[in-house]
Amino acid sequence: MNEENELLLIKGPRRGWEMPGGQVEEGESLKDAAIRETKEESGIDVEILKFCGIFQNVERSICNTLFLAKPIGGKPTTSPESLEVGYFPIDKALEMVTVSNFRQRIEYCLDERMHPFYVAF
């Protein structure tokens, strides 16, 4: 989230608008993976401010670890994983994210009363 309280979103080729993210590489911390994936997918350098929680897809054995971060450099840049990149006001961002599970992740991250959260689905 930037100083204007706008959310950074990327538009992927398959899932539409979502938060940047991806897989952890061998020998990499969750925090470092979040920083790297954000840079790779959006061109933005971030500083992690807070651990928010975890969403676990039990059937597919996938854990999504969610952090709140602020931009500290870079500029919005597209990549093969992100056809569009931008900052959007919270209400607009929530409308743009059409996958309900992705939208729920954002809502939980924005509600500090929920932290830390664990959601299994």
PDB file of N, CA and C in Angstrom:
ATOM      1  N   MET A   1       0.844  -1.168   0.000  1.00  0.00           N
ATOM      2  CA  MET A   1       0.000   0.000   0.000  1.00  0.00           C
ATOM      3  C   MET A   1       0.895   1.238   0.000  1.00  0.00           C
ATOM      4  N   ASN A   2       0.565   2.200  -0.871  1.00  0.00           N
ATOM      5  CA  ASN A   2       1.392   3.404  -0.951  1.00  0.00           C
ATOM      6  C   ASN A   2       0.888   4.475   0.021  1.00  0.00           C
ATOM      7  N   GLU A   3       1.527   5.641  -0.006  1.00  0.00           N
ATOM      8  CA  GLU A   3       1.183   6.719   0.931  1.00  0.00           C
ATOM      9  C   GLU A   3      -0.223   7.272   0.710  1.00  0.00           C
ATOM     10  N   GLU A   4      -0.775   7.046  -0.481  1.00  0.00           N
ATOM     11  CA  GLU A   4      -2.138   7.499  -0.780  1.00  0.00           C
ATOM     12  C   GLU A   4      -3.172   6.436  -0.422  1.00  0.00           C
ATOM     13  N   ASN A   5      -2.751   5.392   0.301  1.00  0.00           N
ATOM     14  CA  ASN A   5      -3.627   4.263   0.661  1.00  0.00           C
ATOM     15  C   ASN A   5      -4.181   3.547  -0.563  1.00  0.00           C
ATOM     16  N   GLU A   6      -3.371   3.443  -1.599  1.00  0.00           N
ATOM     17  CA  GLU A   6      -3.750   2.701  -2.795  1.00  0.00           C
ATOM     18  C   GLU A   6      -3.038   1.352  -2.774  1.00  0.00           C
ATOM     19  N   LEU A   7      -3.711   0.350  -3.334  1.00  0.00           N
ATOM     20  CA  LEU A   7      -3.163  -1.000  -3.385  1.00  0.00           C
ATOM     21  C   LEU A   7      -2.464  -1.251  -4.710  1.00  0.00           C
ATOM     22  N   LEU A   8      -1.356  -1.955  -4.649  1.00  0.00           N
ATOM     23  CA  LEU A   8      -0.642  -2.383  -5.845  1.00  0.00           C
ATOM     24  C   LEU A   8      -1.276  -3.674  -6.348  1.00  0.00           C
ATOM     25  N   LEU A   9      -1.730  -3.662  -7.596  1.00  0.00           N
ATOM     26  CA  LEU A   9      -2.302  -4.851  -8.218  1.00  0.00           C
ATOM     27  C   LEU A   9      -1.617  -5.120  -9.541  1.00  0.00           C
ATOM     28  N   ILE A  10      -1.599  -6.406  -9.899  1.00  0.00           N
ATOM     29  CA  ILE A  10      -1.146  -6.804 -11.231  1.00  0.00           C
ATOM     30  C   ILE A  10      -2.303  -7.519 -11.921  1.00  0.00           C
ATOM     31  N   LYS A  11      -2.320  -7.442 -13.246  1.00  0.00           N
ATOM     32  CA  LYS A  11      -3.331  -8.174 -14.012  1.00  0.00           C
ATOM     33  C   LYS A  11      -2.633  -9.333 -14.702  1.00  0.00           C
ATOM     34  N   GLY A  12      -2.891 -10.534 -14.214  1.00  0.00           N
ATOM     35  CA  GLY A  12      -2.279 -11.725 -14.789  1.00  0.00           C
ATOM     36  C   GLY A  12      -3.012 -12.180 -16.033  1.00  0.00           C
ATOM     37  N   PRO A  13      -2.361 -12.999 -16.855  1.00  0.00           N
ATOM     38  CA  PRO A  13      -2.977 -13.448 -18.097  1.00  0.00           C
ATOM     39  C   PRO A  13      -4.153 -14.405 -17.898  1.00  0.00           C
ATOM     40  N   ARG A  14      -4.225 -15.088 -16.744  1.00  0.00           N
ATOM     41  CA  ARG A  14      -5.284 -16.077 -16.533  1.00  0.00           C
ATOM     42  C   ARG A  14      -6.297 -15.693 -15.458  1.00  0.00           C
ATOM     43  N   ARG A  15      -5.824 -15.068 -14.383  1.00  0.00           N
ATOM     44  CA  ARG A  15      -6.696 -14.871 -13.224  1.00  0.00           C
ATOM     45  C   ARG A  15      -7.177 -13.436 -13.056  1.00  0.00           C
ATOM     46  N   GLY A  16      -6.797 -12.559 -13.942  1.00  0.00           N
ATOM     47  CA  GLY A  16      -7.216 -11.166 -13.819  1.00  0.00           C
ATOM     48  C   GLY A  16      -6.406 -10.431 -12.760  1.00  0.00           C
ATOM     49  N   TRP A  17      -7.023  -9.425 -12.152  1.00  0.00           N
ATOM     50  CA  TRP A  17      -6.336  -8.572 -11.179  1.00  0.00           C
ATOM     51  C   TRP A  17      -6.142  -9.297  -9.856  1.00  0.00           C
ATOM     52  N   GLU A  18      -4.948  -9.132  -9.284  1.00  0.00           N
ATOM     53  CA  GLU A  18      -4.618  -9.751  -8.000  1.00  0.00           C
ATOM     54  C   GLU A  18      -3.398  -9.061  -7.408  1.00  0.00           C
ATOM     55  N   MET A  19      -3.071  -9.428  -6.168  1.00  0.00           N
ATOM     56  CA  MET A  19      -1.846  -8.934  -5.545  1.00  0.00           C
ATOM     57  C   MET A  19      -0.661  -9.683  -6.145  1.00  0.00           C
ATOM     58  N   PRO A  20       0.501  -9.052  -6.214  1.00  0.00           N
ATOM     59  CA  PRO A  20       1.689  -9.783  -6.659  1.00  0.00           C
ATOM     60  C   PRO A  20       1.991 -10.927  -5.687  1.00  0.00           C
ATOM     61  N   GLY A  21       2.588 -11.984  -6.210  1.00  0.00           N
ATOM     62  CA  GLY A  21       2.956 -13.115  -5.354  1.00  0.00           C
ATOM     63  C   GLY A  21       3.524 -14.245  -6.177  1.00  0.00           C
ATOM     64  N   GLY A  22       3.968 -15.274  -5.494  1.00  0.00           N
ATOM     65  CA  GLY A  22       4.527 -16.417  -6.204  1.00  0.00           C
ATOM     66  C   GLY A  22       5.148 -17.410  -5.255  1.00  0.00           C
ATOM     67  N   GLN A  23       5.997 -18.254  -5.804  1.00  0.00           N
ATOM     68  CA  GLN A  23       6.575 -19.350  -5.039  1.00  0.00           C
ATOM     69  C   GLN A  23       7.884 -18.955  -4.366  1.00  0.00           C
ATOM     70  N   VAL A  24       8.126 -19.599  -3.235  1.00  0.00           N
ATOM     71  CA  VAL A  24       9.368 -19.421  -2.491  1.00  0.00           C
ATOM     72  C   VAL A  24      10.433 -20.305  -3.134  1.00  0.00           C
ATOM     73  N   GLU A  25      11.605 -19.738  -3.366  1.00  0.00           N
ATOM     74  CA  GLU A  25      12.712 -20.508  -3.926  1.00  0.00           C
ATOM     75  C   GLU A  25      13.497 -21.184  -2.811  1.00  0.00           C
ATOM     76  N   GLU A  26      14.205 -22.246  -3.156  1.00  0.00           N
ATOM     77  CA  GLU A  26      15.004 -22.974  -2.176  1.00  0.00           C
ATOM     78  C   GLU A  26      15.984 -22.026  -1.486  1.00  0.00           C
ATOM     79  N   GLY A  27      16.043 -22.100  -0.160  1.00  0.00           N
ATOM     80  CA  GLY A  27      16.952 -21.259   0.611  1.00  0.00           C
ATOM     81  C   GLY A  27      16.469 -19.838   0.833  1.00  0.00           C
ATOM     82  N   GLU A  28      15.221 -19.540   0.473  1.00  0.00           N
ATOM     83  CA  GLU A  28      14.676 -18.187   0.562  1.00  0.00           C
ATOM     84  C   GLU A  28      13.640 -18.106   1.686  1.00  0.00           C
ATOM     85  N   SER A  29      13.638 -17.013   2.428  1.00  0.00           N
ATOM     86  CA  SER A  29      12.618 -16.817   3.459  1.00  0.00           C
ATOM     87  C   SER A  29      11.308 -16.384   2.806  1.00  0.00           C
ATOM     88  N   LEU A  30      10.212 -16.553   3.530  1.00  0.00           N
ATOM     89  CA  LEU A  30       8.909 -16.109   3.031  1.00  0.00           C
ATOM     90  C   LEU A  30       8.919 -14.608   2.748  1.00  0.00           C
ATOM     91  N   LYS A  31       9.509 -13.855   3.647  1.00  0.00           N
ATOM     92  CA  LYS A  31       9.583 -12.398   3.499  1.00  0.00           C
ATOM     93  C   LYS A  31      10.384 -12.016   2.256  1.00  0.00           C
ATOM     94  N   ASP A  32      11.549 -12.643   2.073  1.00  0.00           N
ATOM     95  CA  ASP A  32      12.373 -12.338   0.903  1.00  0.00           C
ATOM     96  C   ASP A  32      11.676 -12.743  -0.390  1.00  0.00           C
ATOM     97  N   ALA A  33      10.924 -13.844  -0.354  1.00  0.00           N
ATOM     98  CA  ALA A  33      10.178 -14.275  -1.539  1.00  0.00           C
ATOM     99  C   ALA A  33       9.116 -13.237  -1.905  1.00  0.00           C
ATOM    100  N   ALA A  34       8.433 -12.694  -0.911  1.00  0.00           N
ATOM    101  CA  ALA A  34       7.409 -11.680  -1.170  1.00  0.00           C
ATOM    102  C   ALA A  34       8.020 -10.432  -1.800  1.00  0.00           C
ATOM    103  N   ILE A  35       9.172 -10.029  -1.297  1.00  0.00           N
ATOM    104  CA  ILE A  35       9.870  -8.860  -1.842  1.00  0.00           C
ATOM    105  C   ILE A  35      10.301  -9.125  -3.283  1.00  0.00           C
ATOM    106  N   ARG A  36      10.891 -10.295  -3.536  1.00  0.00           N
ATOM    107  CA  ARG A  36      11.379 -10.639  -4.874  1.00  0.00           C
ATOM    108  C   ARG A  36      10.223 -10.756  -5.867  1.00  0.00           C
ATOM    109  N   GLU A  37       9.175 -11.481  -5.484  1.00  0.00           N
ATOM    110  CA  GLU A  37       8.045 -11.672  -6.399  1.00  0.00           C
ATOM    111  C   GLU A  37       7.369 -10.346  -6.738  1.00  0.00           C
ATOM    112  N   THR A  38       7.250  -9.466  -5.760  1.00  0.00           N
ATOM    113  CA  THR A  38       6.654  -8.154  -6.027  1.00  0.00           C
ATOM    114  C   THR A  38       7.489  -7.397  -7.051  1.00  0.00           C
ATOM    115  N   LYS A  39       8.803  -7.427  -6.898  1.00  0.00           N
ATOM    116  CA  LYS A  39       9.698  -6.751  -7.847  1.00  0.00           C
ATOM    117  C   LYS A  39       9.581  -7.375  -9.237  1.00  0.00           C
ATOM    118  N   GLU A  40       9.623  -8.713  -9.302  1.00  0.00           N
ATOM    119  CA  GLU A  40       9.567  -9.396 -10.598  1.00  0.00           C
ATOM    120  C   GLU A  40       8.260  -9.136 -11.332  1.00  0.00           C
ATOM    121  N   GLU A  41       7.154  -9.141 -10.603  1.00  0.00           N
ATOM    122  CA  GLU A  41       5.847  -9.036 -11.247  1.00  0.00           C
ATOM    123  C   GLU A  41       5.383  -7.605 -11.472  1.00  0.00           C
ATOM    124  N   SER A  42       5.926  -6.651 -10.703  1.00  0.00           N
ATOM    125  CA  SER A  42       5.400  -5.283 -10.792  1.00  0.00           C
ATOM    126  C   SER A  42       6.446  -4.207 -11.055  1.00  0.00           C
ATOM    127  N   GLY A  43       7.730  -4.530 -10.837  1.00  0.00           N
ATOM    128  CA  GLY A  43       8.775  -3.516 -10.959  1.00  0.00           C
ATOM    129  C   GLY A  43       8.956  -2.673  -9.710  1.00  0.00           C
ATOM    130  N   ILE A  44       8.170  -2.945  -8.667  1.00  0.00           N
ATOM    131  CA  ILE A  44       8.190  -2.136  -7.447  1.00  0.00           C
ATOM    132  C   ILE A  44       9.023  -2.817  -6.359  1.00  0.00           C
ATOM    133  N   ASP A  45       9.928  -2.040  -5.755  1.00  0.00           N
ATOM    134  CA  ASP A  45      10.678  -2.500  -4.584  1.00  0.00           C
ATOM    135  C   ASP A  45       9.830  -2.189  -3.355  1.00  0.00           C
ATOM    136  N   VAL A  46       9.711  -3.171  -2.448  1.00  0.00           N
ATOM    137  CA  VAL A  46       8.890  -2.958  -1.258  1.00  0.00           C
ATOM    138  C   VAL A  46       9.656  -3.278   0.019  1.00  0.00           C
ATOM    139  N   GLU A  47       9.165  -2.697   1.092  1.00  0.00           N
ATOM    140  CA  GLU A  47       9.622  -3.015   2.443  1.00  0.00           C
ATOM    141  C   GLU A  47       8.445  -3.668   3.165  1.00  0.00           C
ATOM    142  N   ILE A  48       8.671  -4.848   3.722  1.00  0.00           N
ATOM    143  CA  ILE A  48       7.619  -5.542   4.456  1.00  0.00           C
ATOM    144  C   ILE A  48       7.392  -4.823   5.783  1.00  0.00           C
ATOM    145  N   LEU A  49       6.135  -4.493   6.051  1.00  0.00           N
ATOM    146  CA  LEU A  49       5.775  -3.814   7.290  1.00  0.00           C
ATOM    147  C   LEU A  49       5.221  -4.775   8.335  1.00  0.00           C
ATOM    148  N   LYS A  50       4.491  -5.790   7.866  1.00  0.00           N
ATOM    149  CA  LYS A  50       3.770  -6.623   8.816  1.00  0.00           C
ATOM    150  C   LYS A  50       3.367  -7.948   8.193  1.00  0.00           C
ATOM    151  N   PHE A  51       3.453  -9.013   8.991  1.00  0.00           N
ATOM    152  CA  PHE A  51       2.862 -10.303   8.630  1.00  0.00           C
ATOM    153  C   PHE A  51       1.370 -10.201   8.914  1.00  0.00           C
ATOM    154  N   CYS A  52       0.544 -10.571   7.935  1.00  0.00           N
ATOM    155  CA  CYS A  52      -0.906 -10.487   8.115  1.00  0.00           C
ATOM    156  C   CYS A  52      -1.529 -11.835   8.455  1.00  0.00           C
ATOM    157  N   GLY A  53      -1.177 -12.879   7.686  1.00  0.00           N
ATOM    158  CA  GLY A  53      -1.773 -14.182   7.937  1.00  0.00           C
ATOM    159  C   GLY A  53      -1.524 -15.153   6.803  1.00  0.00           C
ATOM    160  N   ILE A  54      -2.235 -16.280   6.870  1.00  0.00           N
ATOM    161  CA  ILE A  54      -2.042 -17.375   5.914  1.00  0.00           C
ATOM    162  C   ILE A  54      -3.393 -17.846   5.391  1.00  0.00           C
ATOM    163  N   PHE A  55      -3.467 -18.071   4.087  1.00  0.00           N
ATOM    164  CA  PHE A  55      -4.572 -18.768   3.439  1.00  0.00           C
ATOM    165  C   PHE A  55      -4.011 -20.103   2.953  1.00  0.00           C
ATOM    166  N   GLN A  56      -4.641 -21.211   3.344  1.00  0.00           N
ATOM    167  CA  GLN A  56      -4.153 -22.530   2.952  1.00  0.00           C
ATOM    168  C   GLN A  56      -5.183 -23.243   2.090  1.00  0.00           C
ATOM    169  N   ASN A  57      -4.766 -23.606   0.880  1.00  0.00           N
ATOM    170  CA  ASN A  57      -5.565 -24.465   0.011  1.00  0.00           C
ATOM    171  C   ASN A  57      -5.202 -25.896   0.392  1.00  0.00           C
ATOM    172  N   VAL A  58      -6.024 -26.515   1.218  1.00  0.00           N
ATOM    173  CA  VAL A  58      -5.718 -27.832   1.777  1.00  0.00           C
ATOM    174  C   VAL A  58      -5.615 -28.878   0.677  1.00  0.00           C
ATOM    175  N   GLU A  59      -6.556 -28.880  -0.248  1.00  0.00           N
ATOM    176  CA  GLU A  59      -6.592 -29.889  -1.313  1.00  0.00           C
ATOM    177  C   GLU A  59      -5.338 -29.855  -2.183  1.00  0.00           C
ATOM    178  N   ARG A  60      -4.836 -28.665  -2.474  1.00  0.00           N
ATOM    179  CA  ARG A  60      -3.676 -28.536  -3.363  1.00  0.00           C
ATOM    180  C   ARG A  60      -2.360 -28.358  -2.610  1.00  0.00           C
ATOM    181  N   SER A  61      -2.401 -28.420  -1.284  1.00  0.00           N
ATOM    182  CA  SER A  61      -1.203 -28.264  -0.438  1.00  0.00           C
ATOM    183  C   SER A  61      -0.448 -26.968  -0.745  1.00  0.00           C
ATOM    184  N   ILE A  62      -1.199 -25.868  -0.822  1.00  0.00           N
ATOM    185  CA  ILE A  62      -0.606 -24.554  -1.097  1.00  0.00           C
ATOM    186  C   ILE A  62      -0.897 -23.632   0.085  1.00  0.00           C
ATOM    187  N   CYS A  63       0.141 -22.990   0.592  1.00  0.00           N
ATOM    188  CA  CYS A  63      -0.014 -21.982   1.642  1.00  0.00           C
ATOM    189  C   CYS A  63       0.368 -20.625   1.073  1.00  0.00           C
ATOM    190  N   ASN A  64      -0.544 -19.678   1.147  1.00  0.00           N
ATOM    191  CA  ASN A  64      -0.274 -18.304   0.748  1.00  0.00           C
ATOM    192  C   ASN A  64      -0.033 -17.488   2.008  1.00  0.00           C
ATOM    193  N   THR A  65       1.191 -16.971   2.143  1.00  0.00           N
ATOM    194  CA  THR A  65       1.569 -16.151   3.289  1.00  0.00           C
ATOM    195  C   THR A  65       1.434 -14.693   2.876  1.00  0.00           C
ATOM    196  N   LEU A  66       0.678 -13.939   3.641  1.00  0.00           N
ATOM    197  CA  LEU A  66       0.331 -12.577   3.246  1.00  0.00           C
ATOM    198  C   LEU A  66       0.971 -11.550   4.166  1.00  0.00           C
ATOM    199  N   PHE A  67       1.572 -10.541   3.530  1.00  0.00           N
ATOM    200  CA  PHE A  67       2.244  -9.458   4.236  1.00  0.00           C
ATOM    201  C   PHE A  67       1.675  -8.126   3.782  1.00  0.00           C
ATOM    202  N   LEU A  68       1.794  -7.118   4.633  1.00  0.00           N
ATOM    203  CA  LEU A  68       1.530  -5.735   4.257  1.00  0.00           C
ATOM    204  C   LEU A  68       2.883  -5.090   3.991  1.00  0.00           C
ATOM    205  N   ALA A  69       2.995  -4.386   2.874  1.00  0.00           N
ATOM    206  CA  ALA A  69       4.275  -3.777   2.495  1.00  0.00           C
ATOM    207  C   ALA A  69       4.038  -2.369   1.968  1.00  0.00           C
ATOM    208  N   LYS A  70       5.124  -1.590   1.938  1.00  0.00           N
ATOM    209  CA  LYS A  70       5.049  -0.253   1.348  1.00  0.00           C
ATOM    210  C   LYS A  70       6.109  -0.148   0.260  1.00  0.00           C
ATOM    211  N   PRO A  71       5.815   0.616  -0.801  1.00  0.00           N
ATOM    212  CA  PRO A  71       6.802   0.796  -1.867  1.00  0.00           C
ATOM    213  C   PRO A  71       7.952   1.674  -1.393  1.00  0.00           C
ATOM    214  N   ILE A  72       9.166   1.291  -1.789  1.00  0.00           N
ATOM    215  CA  ILE A  72      10.348   2.097  -1.445  1.00  0.00           C
ATOM    216  C   ILE A  72      11.173   2.443  -2.681  1.00  0.00           C
ATOM    217  N   GLY A  73      10.714   2.018  -3.859  1.00  0.00           N
ATOM    218  CA  GLY A  73      11.437   2.329  -5.086  1.00  0.00           C
ATOM    219  C   GLY A  73      10.847   1.593  -6.271  1.00  0.00           C
ATOM    220  N   GLY A  74      11.494   1.772  -7.419  1.00  0.00           N
ATOM    221  CA  GLY A  74      11.029   1.140  -8.643  1.00  0.00           C
ATOM    222  C   GLY A  74       9.884   1.907  -9.264  1.00  0.00           C
ATOM    223  N   LYS A  75       9.414   1.398 -10.398  1.00  0.00           N
ATOM    224  CA  LYS A  75       8.253   1.993 -11.064  1.00  0.00           C
ATOM    225  C   LYS A  75       7.427   0.869 -11.665  1.00  0.00           C
ATOM    226  N   PRO A  76       6.114   1.057 -11.752  1.00  0.00           N
ATOM    227  CA  PRO A  76       5.262  -0.005 -12.284  1.00  0.00           C
ATOM    228  C   PRO A  76       5.730  -0.457 -13.670  1.00  0.00           C
ATOM    229  N   THR A  77       6.015  -1.755 -13.778  1.00  0.00           N
ATOM    230  CA  THR A  77       6.548  -2.340 -15.005  1.00  0.00           C
ATOM    231  C   THR A  77       5.857  -3.674 -15.255  1.00  0.00           C
ATOM    232  N   THR A  78       5.399  -3.893 -16.475  1.00  0.00           N
ATOM    233  CA  THR A  78       4.758  -5.164 -16.806  1.00  0.00           C
ATOM    234  C   THR A  78       5.803  -6.254 -17.014  1.00  0.00           C
ATOM    235  N   SER A  79       5.324  -7.493 -17.020  1.00  0.00           N
ATOM    236  CA  SER A  79       6.176  -8.661 -17.233  1.00  0.00           C
ATOM    237  C   SER A  79       5.312  -9.741 -17.875  1.00  0.00           C
ATOM    238  N   PRO A  80       5.894 -10.896 -18.238  1.00  0.00           N
ATOM    239  CA  PRO A  80       5.056 -11.973 -18.772  1.00  0.00           C
ATOM    240  C   PRO A  80       3.964 -12.416 -17.782  1.00  0.00           C
ATOM    241  N   GLU A  81       4.198 -12.210 -16.489  1.00  0.00           N
ATOM    242  CA  GLU A  81       3.219 -12.589 -15.466  1.00  0.00           C
ATOM    243  C   GLU A  81       2.219 -11.483 -15.165  1.00  0.00           C
ATOM    244  N   SER A  82       2.496 -10.274 -15.635  1.00  0.00           N
ATOM    245  CA  SER A  82       1.620  -9.137 -15.339  1.00  0.00           C
ATOM    246  C   SER A  82       1.448  -8.275 -16.579  1.00  0.00           C
ATOM    247  N   LEU A  83       0.261  -8.364 -17.171  1.00  0.00           N
ATOM    248  CA  LEU A  83      -0.036  -7.616 -18.394  1.00  0.00           C
ATOM    249  C   LEU A  83      -0.247  -6.131 -18.102  1.00  0.00           C
ATOM    250  N   GLU A  84      -0.725  -5.835 -16.880  1.00  0.00           N
ATOM    251  CA  GLU A  84      -0.910  -4.459 -16.421  1.00  0.00           C
ATOM    252  C   GLU A  84      -0.505  -4.390 -14.955  1.00  0.00           C
ATOM    253  N   VAL A  85      -0.037  -3.221 -14.529  1.00  0.00           N
ATOM    254  CA  VAL A  85       0.389  -2.999 -13.144  1.00  0.00           C
ATOM    255  C   VAL A  85      -0.061  -1.605 -12.739  1.00  0.00           C
ATOM    256  N   GLY A  86      -0.564  -1.463 -11.519  1.00  0.00           N
ATOM    257  CA  GLY A  86      -0.929  -0.127 -11.073  1.00  0.00           C
ATOM    258  C   GLY A  86      -1.340  -0.071  -9.621  1.00  0.00           C
ATOM    259  N   TYR A  87      -1.457   1.161  -9.132  1.00  0.00           N
ATOM    260  CA  TYR A  87      -1.971   1.430  -7.787  1.00  0.00           C
ATOM    261  C   TYR A  87      -3.411   1.889  -7.931  1.00  0.00           C
ATOM    262  N   PHE A  88      -4.277   1.384  -7.052  1.00  0.00           N
ATOM    263  CA  PHE A  88      -5.698   1.693  -7.143  1.00  0.00           C
ATOM    264  C   PHE A  88      -6.271   1.958  -5.753  1.00  0.00           C
ATOM    265  N   PRO A  89      -7.232   2.914  -5.657  1.00  0.00           N
ATOM    266  CA  PRO A  89      -7.911   3.122  -4.377  1.00  0.00           C
ATOM    267  C   PRO A  89      -8.535   1.805  -3.907  1.00  0.00           C
ATOM    268  N   ILE A  90      -8.624   1.625  -2.605  1.00  0.00           N
ATOM    269  CA  ILE A  90      -9.065   0.344  -2.048  1.00  0.00           C
ATOM    270  C   ILE A  90     -10.403  -0.105  -2.628  1.00  0.00           C
ATOM    271  N   ASP A  91     -11.409   0.757  -2.653  1.00  0.00           N
ATOM    272  CA  ASP A  91     -12.730   0.356  -3.158  1.00  0.00           C
ATOM    273  C   ASP A  91     -12.666  -0.104  -4.603  1.00  0.00           C
ATOM    274  N   LYS A  92     -11.937   0.634  -5.429  1.00  0.00           N
ATOM    275  CA  LYS A  92     -11.796   0.262  -6.840  1.00  0.00           C
ATOM    276  C   LYS A  92     -11.028  -1.049  -6.967  1.00  0.00           C
ATOM    277  N   ALA A  93      -9.958  -1.209  -6.189  1.00  0.00           N
ATOM    278  CA  ALA A  93      -9.158  -2.437  -6.239  1.00  0.00           C
ATOM    279  C   ALA A  93     -10.016  -3.650  -5.899  1.00  0.00           C
ATOM    280  N   LEU A  94     -10.848  -3.532  -4.876  1.00  0.00           N
ATOM    281  CA  LEU A  94     -11.702  -4.656  -4.490  1.00  0.00           C
ATOM    282  C   LEU A  94     -12.707  -4.998  -5.585  1.00  0.00           C
ATOM    283  N   GLU A  95     -13.174  -4.010  -6.328  1.00  0.00           N
ATOM    284  CA  GLU A  95     -14.070  -4.265  -7.463  1.00  0.00           C
ATOM    285  C   GLU A  95     -13.328  -4.953  -8.604  1.00  0.00           C
ATOM    286  N   MET A  96     -12.078  -4.575  -8.809  1.00  0.00           N
ATOM    287  CA  MET A  96     -11.288  -5.109  -9.925  1.00  0.00           C
ATOM    288  C   MET A  96     -10.893  -6.569  -9.712  1.00  0.00           C
ATOM    289  N   VAL A  97     -10.688  -6.965  -8.461  1.00  0.00           N
ATOM    290  CA  VAL A  97     -10.287  -8.340  -8.150  1.00  0.00           C
ATOM    291  C   VAL A  97     -11.548  -9.198  -8.156  1.00  0.00           C
ATOM    292  N   THR A  98     -11.711 -10.007  -9.203  1.00  0.00           N
ATOM    293  CA  THR A  98     -12.952 -10.755  -9.390  1.00  0.00           C
ATOM    294  C   THR A  98     -12.930 -12.146  -8.766  1.00  0.00           C
ATOM    295  N   VAL A  99     -11.761 -12.699  -8.481  1.00  0.00           N
ATOM    296  CA  VAL A  99     -11.687 -13.998  -7.805  1.00  0.00           C
ATOM    297  C   VAL A  99     -11.975 -13.749  -6.326  1.00  0.00           C
ATOM    298  N   SER A 100     -13.084 -14.318  -5.828  1.00  0.00           N
ATOM    299  CA  SER A 100     -13.542 -13.985  -4.471  1.00  0.00           C
ATOM    300  C   SER A 100     -12.505 -14.313  -3.404  1.00  0.00           C
ATOM    301  N   ASN A 101     -11.767 -15.407  -3.562  1.00  0.00           N
ATOM    302  CA  ASN A 101     -10.736 -15.779  -2.594  1.00  0.00           C
ATOM    303  C   ASN A 101      -9.624 -14.732  -2.557  1.00  0.00           C
ATOM    304  N   PHE A 102      -9.255 -14.189  -3.715  1.00  0.00           N
ATOM    305  CA  PHE A 102      -8.218 -13.151  -3.781  1.00  0.00           C
ATOM    306  C   PHE A 102      -8.712 -11.863  -3.120  1.00  0.00           C
ATOM    307  N   ARG A 103      -9.984 -11.549  -3.360  1.00  0.00           N
ATOM    308  CA  ARG A 103     -10.576 -10.350  -2.757  1.00  0.00           C
ATOM    309  C   ARG A 103     -10.628 -10.506  -1.231  1.00  0.00           C
ATOM    310  N   GLN A 104     -10.980 -11.706  -0.762  1.00  0.00           N
ATOM    311  CA  GLN A 104     -11.034 -11.962   0.679  1.00  0.00           C
ATOM    312  C   GLN A 104      -9.657 -11.784   1.315  1.00  0.00           C
ATOM    313  N   ARG A 105      -8.610 -12.205   0.635  1.00  0.00           N
ATOM    314  CA  ARG A 105      -7.250 -12.029   1.157  1.00  0.00           C
ATOM    315  C   ARG A 105      -6.949 -10.550   1.394  1.00  0.00           C
ATOM    316  N   ILE A 106      -7.326  -9.719   0.427  1.00  0.00           N
ATOM    317  CA  ILE A 106      -7.094  -8.278   0.557  1.00  0.00           C
ATOM    318  C   ILE A 106      -7.889  -7.728   1.738  1.00  0.00           C
ATOM    319  N   GLU A 107      -9.164  -8.110   1.827  1.00  0.00           N
ATOM    320  CA  GLU A 107     -10.011  -7.615   2.916  1.00  0.00           C
ATOM    321  C   GLU A 107      -9.437  -7.996   4.280  1.00  0.00           C
ATOM    322  N   TYR A 108      -8.958  -9.217   4.414  1.00  0.00           N
ATOM    323  CA  TYR A 108      -8.374  -9.659   5.684  1.00  0.00           C
ATOM    324  C   TYR A 108      -7.085  -8.893   5.987  1.00  0.00           C
ATOM    325  N   CYS A 109      -6.267  -8.668   4.973  1.00  0.00           N
ATOM    326  CA  CYS A 109      -5.016  -7.933   5.191  1.00  0.00           C
ATOM    327  C   CYS A 109      -5.280  -6.496   5.624  1.00  0.00           C
ATOM    328  N   LEU A 110      -6.348  -5.909   5.122  1.00  0.00           N
ATOM    329  CA  LEU A 110      -6.665  -4.520   5.446  1.00  0.00           C
ATOM    330  C   LEU A 110      -7.325  -4.356   6.815  1.00  0.00           C
ATOM    331  N   ASP A 111      -7.845  -5.445   7.385  1.00  0.00           N
ATOM    332  CA  ASP A 111      -8.533  -5.394   8.676  1.00  0.00           C
ATOM    333  C   ASP A 111      -7.595  -5.899   9.770  1.00  0.00           C
ATOM    334  N   GLU A 112      -6.913  -4.974  10.430  1.00  0.00           N
ATOM    335  CA  GLU A 112      -5.911  -5.354  11.435  1.00  0.00           C
ATOM    336  C   GLU A 112      -6.503  -6.141  12.595  1.00  0.00           C
ATOM    337  N   ARG A 113      -7.807  -6.033  12.817  1.00  0.00           N
ATOM    338  CA  ARG A 113      -8.440  -6.808  13.894  1.00  0.00           C
ATOM    339  C   ARG A 113      -8.377  -8.305  13.602  1.00  0.00           C
ATOM    340  N   MET A 114      -8.187  -8.671  12.339  1.00  0.00           N
ATOM    341  CA  MET A 114      -8.137 -10.082  11.933  1.00  0.00           C
ATOM    342  C   MET A 114      -6.739 -10.687  12.097  1.00  0.00           C
ATOM    343  N   HIS A 115      -5.731  -9.855  12.276  1.00  0.00           N
ATOM    344  CA  HIS A 115      -4.336 -10.322  12.281  1.00  0.00           C
ATOM    345  C   HIS A 115      -3.961 -10.973  13.599  1.00  0.00           C
ATOM    346  N   PRO A 116      -3.166 -12.013  13.595  1.00  0.00           N
ATOM    347  CA  PRO A 116      -2.865 -12.815  12.408  1.00  0.00           C
ATOM    348  C   PRO A 116      -4.035 -13.749  12.122  1.00  0.00           C
ATOM    349  N   PHE A 117      -4.248 -14.059  10.851  1.00  0.00           N
ATOM    350  CA  PHE A 117      -5.352 -14.943  10.484  1.00  0.00           C
ATOM    351  C   PHE A 117      -4.817 -16.219   9.848  1.00  0.00           C
ATOM    352  N   TYR A 118      -5.643 -17.247   9.935  1.00  0.00           N
ATOM    353  CA  TYR A 118      -5.377 -18.516   9.252  1.00  0.00           C
ATOM    354  C   TYR A 118      -6.694 -18.959   8.647  1.00  0.00           C
ATOM    355  N   VAL A 119      -6.724 -19.101   7.330  1.00  0.00           N
ATOM    356  CA  VAL A 119      -7.930 -19.510   6.621  1.00  0.00           C
ATOM    357  C   VAL A 119      -7.604 -20.752   5.806  1.00  0.00           C
ATOM    358  N   ALA A 120      -8.284 -21.851   6.111  1.00  0.00           N
ATOM    359  CA  ALA A 120      -8.133 -23.085   5.335  1.00  0.00           C
ATOM    360  C   ALA A 120      -9.344 -23.211   4.417  1.00  0.00           C
ATOM    361  N   PHE A 121      -9.077 -23.563   3.169  1.00  0.00           N
ATOM    362  CA  PHE A 121     -10.186 -23.749   2.219  1.00  0.00           C
ATOM    363  C   PHE A 121      -9.889 -24.906   1.299  1.00  0.00           C
TER     364      PHE A 121
END
